[in-house]
């Protein structure tokens, strides 16, 4: 059997190279062209023999050298937890739409989302928190969603003024996850994005509402290539 991308990493090929986000360490890894070819072969072919054949057809090196390099790359990916032999258990989908909750006390609820997100990241880590937030149900939006969004964003700004965090405002991860959680709880159908830029390398996380970036620079959608998303 072929290998599978681990359930604790996000990976995508961006501008010709595979970029890996390790949710356990919140670290990014960029594979060089050869590593990208090996990665794609291992995750797309049914076994190591087929992966080796794909690489032999592409590169002119000695077969024994290609086999040794592929085995070393395979072993490293397994040891680092980037790839796994068994298919990872899927994250339960959040596609079920639920009725939106109450709309009152928005600033207080925004503050609570900030506190809960920072506490979760500190106590349980990025991997657990990200996968937990991926299970937050999608609310059924009301007809006045634009007005609600305006009120909710104003409440979140107010809450940020009364929330002290050692990582804010420079760290986009807790802020964007807290905003995502809060807006969904308020009844808004929002998405969470993580994107990267190759040259120079930079990563950023933000929130969108029907394709529009909220409480962030609208250029995020064009500057960064998407690496991970809730929903996928």
Protein backbone atom coordinates (compact mmCIF):
# COMPACT_ATOMS: atom_id res chain seq x y z
CA UNK A 1 0.00 0.00 0.00
CA UNK A 2 1.07 3.58 -0.61
CA UNK A 3 1.62 6.15 2.09
CA UNK A 4 -0.89 8.72 3.27
CA UNK A 5 -0.48 12.31 4.39
CA UNK A 6 -0.67 12.37 8.18
CA UNK A 7 -3.76 13.73 9.86
CA UNK A 8 -1.57 16.15 11.82
CA UNK A 9 -0.11 17.95 8.80
CA UNK A 10 -1.43 20.07 5.96
CA UNK A 11 0.38 19.82 2.64
CA UNK A 12 -0.07 21.38 -0.79
CA UNK A 13 2.07 21.90 -3.88
CA UNK A 14 2.62 25.64 -4.24
CA UNK A 15 4.63 27.11 -7.11
CA UNK A 16 6.24 23.76 -7.87
CA UNK A 17 7.21 22.77 -4.32
CA UNK A 18 5.33 20.86 -1.65
CA UNK A 19 4.80 23.00 1.45
CA UNK A 20 4.04 21.17 4.70
CA UNK A 21 2.49 22.68 7.81
CA UNK A 22 3.09 20.51 10.87
CA UNK A 23 0.09 21.15 13.10
CA UNK A 24 1.90 19.64 16.10
CA UNK A 25 4.79 22.11 16.01
CA UNK A 26 3.18 24.91 13.95
CA UNK A 27 6.28 24.77 11.72
CA UNK A 28 6.44 25.01 7.93
CA UNK A 29 8.65 22.85 5.72
CA UNK A 30 9.35 23.39 2.00
CA UNK A 31 10.56 20.45 -0.09
CA UNK A 32 13.05 21.00 -2.90
CA UNK A 33 12.16 19.81 -6.43
CA UNK A 34 13.54 16.30 -5.86
CA UNK A 35 11.80 16.02 -2.49
CA UNK A 36 8.57 17.21 -4.09
CA UNK A 37 8.86 14.49 -6.75
CA UNK A 38 9.49 11.85 -4.08
CA UNK A 39 6.57 13.09 -1.97
CA UNK A 40 4.16 13.02 -4.89
CA UNK A 41 5.33 9.56 -5.91
CA UNK A 42 4.92 8.14 -2.41
CA UNK A 43 1.40 9.52 -1.86
CA UNK A 44 0.07 8.88 -5.37
CA UNK A 45 1.43 5.43 -6.18
CA UNK A 46 0.03 2.22 -4.75
CA UNK A 47 3.34 0.97 -3.33
CA UNK A 48 7.05 1.76 -3.04
CA UNK A 49 7.91 -0.23 -6.19
CA UNK A 50 5.61 1.89 -8.33
CA UNK A 51 6.92 5.07 -6.70
CA UNK A 52 10.48 4.00 -7.49
CA UNK A 53 9.57 3.31 -11.11
CA UNK A 54 8.06 6.78 -11.48
CA UNK A 55 11.26 8.38 -10.22
CA UNK A 56 13.49 6.18 -12.40
CA UNK A 57 11.51 7.28 -15.44
CA UNK A 58 12.04 10.94 -14.47
CA UNK A 59 15.68 11.02 -13.35
CA UNK A 60 18.80 9.66 -15.06
CA UNK A 61 20.65 8.70 -11.87
CA UNK A 62 21.65 5.13 -11.10
CA UNK A 63 18.62 3.05 -9.98
CA UNK A 64 20.40 2.00 -6.79
CA UNK A 65 21.01 5.67 -5.89
CA UNK A 66 17.39 6.61 -6.56
CA UNK A 67 16.20 3.65 -4.47
CA UNK A 68 18.47 4.58 -1.56
CA UNK A 69 17.42 8.24 -1.65
CA UNK A 70 13.73 7.34 -1.87
CA UNK A 71 13.99 4.95 1.07
CA UNK A 72 15.81 7.57 3.17
CA UNK A 73 13.18 10.19 2.28
CA UNK A 74 10.37 7.76 3.05
CA UNK A 75 11.89 6.86 6.42
CA UNK A 76 12.39 10.51 7.36
CA UNK A 77 8.79 11.42 6.46
CA UNK A 78 7.49 8.55 8.59
CA UNK A 79 9.74 9.45 11.53
CA UNK A 80 8.74 13.13 11.41
CA UNK A 81 5.08 12.20 11.19
CA UNK A 82 4.49 13.80 7.78
CA UNK A 83 3.39 10.52 6.22
CA UNK A 84 1.80 7.41 7.68
CA UNK A 85 1.09 3.90 6.48
CA UNK A 86 -2.56 3.78 7.47
CA UNK A 87 -5.18 6.11 6.11
CA UNK A 88 -5.88 8.77 8.75
CA UNK A 89 -9.31 8.98 10.29
CA UNK A 90 -11.20 11.83 8.62
CA UNK A 91 -12.22 14.85 10.63
CA UNK A 92 -16.02 14.72 11.05
CA UNK A 93 -17.43 17.21 8.54
CA UNK A 94 -18.87 20.49 9.68
CA UNK A 95 -21.18 20.63 6.69
CA UNK A 96 -24.33 20.13 8.75
CA UNK A 97 -26.07 23.48 9.02
CA UNK A 98 -27.53 24.44 12.36
CA UNK A 99 -29.72 27.26 13.53
CA UNK A 100 -27.73 30.28 14.66
CA UNK A 101 -27.49 30.99 18.36
CA UNK A 102 -28.46 34.11 20.22
CA UNK A 103 -27.24 37.50 19.01
CA UNK A 104 -26.96 39.34 22.30
CA UNK A 105 -23.83 40.18 24.31
CA UNK A 106 -21.63 40.04 21.19
CA UNK A 107 -18.63 41.83 22.73
CA UNK A 108 -18.65 39.50 25.75
CA UNK A 109 -18.91 36.45 23.53
CA UNK A 110 -16.09 37.73 21.32
CA UNK A 111 -13.87 38.14 24.39
CA UNK A 112 -14.76 34.61 25.47
CA UNK A 113 -13.80 33.27 22.01
CA UNK A 114 -10.42 35.00 22.30
CA UNK A 115 -9.85 33.60 25.78
CA UNK A 116 -11.01 30.09 24.89
CA UNK A 117 -8.87 29.97 21.74
CA UNK A 118 -5.68 31.15 23.44
CA UNK A 119 -6.27 28.73 26.31
CA UNK A 120 -6.88 25.83 23.92
CA UNK A 121 -3.74 26.57 21.91
CA UNK A 122 -1.69 26.78 25.11
CA UNK A 123 -3.13 23.71 26.83
CA UNK A 124 -3.89 21.37 23.91
CA UNK A 125 -1.78 22.66 21.05
CA UNK A 126 -2.40 23.86 17.53
CA UNK A 127 -3.17 20.43 16.05
CA UNK A 128 -5.95 19.60 18.52
CA UNK A 129 -7.40 23.12 18.42
CA UNK A 130 -7.41 23.35 14.63
CA UNK A 131 -9.11 19.99 14.21
CA UNK A 132 -11.60 20.83 16.95
CA UNK A 133 -12.52 24.11 15.24
CA UNK A 134 -12.88 22.27 11.93
CA UNK A 135 -15.85 20.48 13.53
CA UNK A 136 -17.74 23.68 14.39
CA UNK A 137 -21.09 23.48 12.57
CA UNK A 138 -21.96 25.88 9.78
CA UNK A 139 -24.81 28.19 10.84
CA UNK A 140 -27.84 29.00 8.74
CA UNK A 141 -27.48 32.66 7.90
CA UNK A 142 -30.39 35.05 8.26
CA UNK A 143 -31.35 37.57 5.60
CA UNK A 144 -29.71 40.40 7.54
CA UNK A 145 -26.30 38.71 7.59
CA UNK A 146 -24.49 41.84 6.34
CA UNK A 147 -25.84 43.88 9.23
CA UNK A 148 -25.01 41.10 11.67
CA UNK A 149 -21.48 40.88 10.29
CA UNK A 150 -20.98 44.60 10.82
CA UNK A 151 -22.18 44.38 14.42
CA UNK A 152 -20.12 41.27 15.11
CA UNK A 153 -16.89 42.74 13.74
CA UNK A 154 -17.38 45.88 15.81
CA UNK A 155 -17.90 43.70 18.88
CA UNK A 156 -14.73 41.71 18.14
CA UNK A 157 -12.68 44.90 17.84
CA UNK A 158 -14.04 46.03 21.19
CA UNK A 159 -13.23 42.69 22.79
CA UNK A 160 -9.65 42.83 21.50
CA UNK A 161 -9.15 46.12 23.34
CA UNK A 162 -9.89 44.34 26.62
CA UNK A 163 -7.99 41.13 25.93
CA UNK A 164 -4.33 40.84 26.88
CA UNK A 165 -2.25 38.22 25.12
CA UNK A 166 1.50 37.84 24.89
CA UNK A 167 1.16 36.68 21.28
CA UNK A 168 -1.26 39.33 20.00
CA UNK A 169 -1.47 41.18 17.73
CA UNK A 170 1.57 39.82 15.86
CA UNK A 171 0.35 36.19 15.80
CA UNK A 172 -2.45 35.74 13.31
CA UNK A 173 -3.29 32.15 14.33
CA UNK A 174 -5.07 32.73 17.67
CA UNK A 175 -6.74 35.89 16.39
CA UNK A 176 -8.09 34.30 13.21
CA UNK A 177 -9.24 31.12 14.96
CA UNK A 178 -10.98 33.14 17.67
CA UNK A 179 -12.65 35.34 15.06
CA UNK A 180 -13.72 32.26 13.10
CA UNK A 181 -15.23 30.63 16.17
CA UNK A 182 -16.99 33.80 17.27
CA UNK A 183 -18.51 34.63 13.88
CA UNK A 184 -19.83 31.11 13.40
CA UNK A 185 -21.36 31.18 16.87
CA UNK A 186 -22.98 34.50 15.96
CA UNK A 187 -24.67 32.89 12.95
CA UNK A 188 -22.30 33.77 10.10
CA UNK A 189 -21.06 31.34 7.48
CA UNK A 190 -17.33 32.09 7.58
CA UNK A 191 -14.25 30.17 6.48
CA UNK A 192 -10.78 29.96 8.01
CA UNK A 193 -7.76 30.13 5.70
CA UNK A 194 -4.04 29.50 6.07
CA UNK A 195 -1.90 30.63 3.16
CA UNK A 196 1.78 30.84 2.30
CA UNK A 197 3.96 32.92 0.01
CA UNK A 198 7.13 31.33 -1.37
CA UNK A 199 9.38 34.30 -2.12
CA UNK A 200 10.13 35.58 0.43
CA UNK A 201 8.53 32.85 2.50
CA UNK A 202 5.72 34.08 4.69
CA UNK A 203 2.58 32.52 6.15
CA UNK A 204 -0.66 34.05 7.34
CA UNK A 205 -4.06 32.98 8.69
CA UNK A 206 -7.28 34.90 8.16
CA UNK A 207 -11.09 34.64 7.97
CA UNK A 208 -13.39 35.08 4.99
CA UNK A 209 -17.13 35.64 4.68
CA UNK A 210 -18.45 34.56 1.29
CA UNK A 211 -15.08 35.21 -0.33
CA UNK A 212 -14.42 38.54 1.39
CA UNK A 213 -11.56 38.90 3.89
CA UNK A 214 -12.83 40.26 7.22
CA UNK A 215 -10.86 42.29 9.76
CA UNK A 216 -7.71 41.90 7.68
CA UNK A 217 -6.07 43.11 4.50
CA UNK A 218 -8.28 42.15 1.51
CA UNK A 219 -5.11 41.41 -0.51
CA UNK A 220 -4.53 38.26 1.56
CA UNK A 221 -6.49 36.23 -1.01
CA UNK A 222 -4.14 37.23 -3.83
CA UNK A 223 -0.82 37.48 -1.98
CA UNK A 224 -0.96 34.01 -0.37
CA UNK A 225 -1.58 30.60 -1.91
CA UNK A 226 -4.01 28.56 0.16
CA UNK A 227 -2.43 25.75 2.16
CA UNK A 228 -5.26 24.81 4.55
CA UNK A 229 -8.89 25.76 4.91
CA UNK A 230 -11.95 25.20 7.09
CA UNK A 231 -13.97 23.82 5.42
CA UNK A 232 -11.46 22.04 3.12
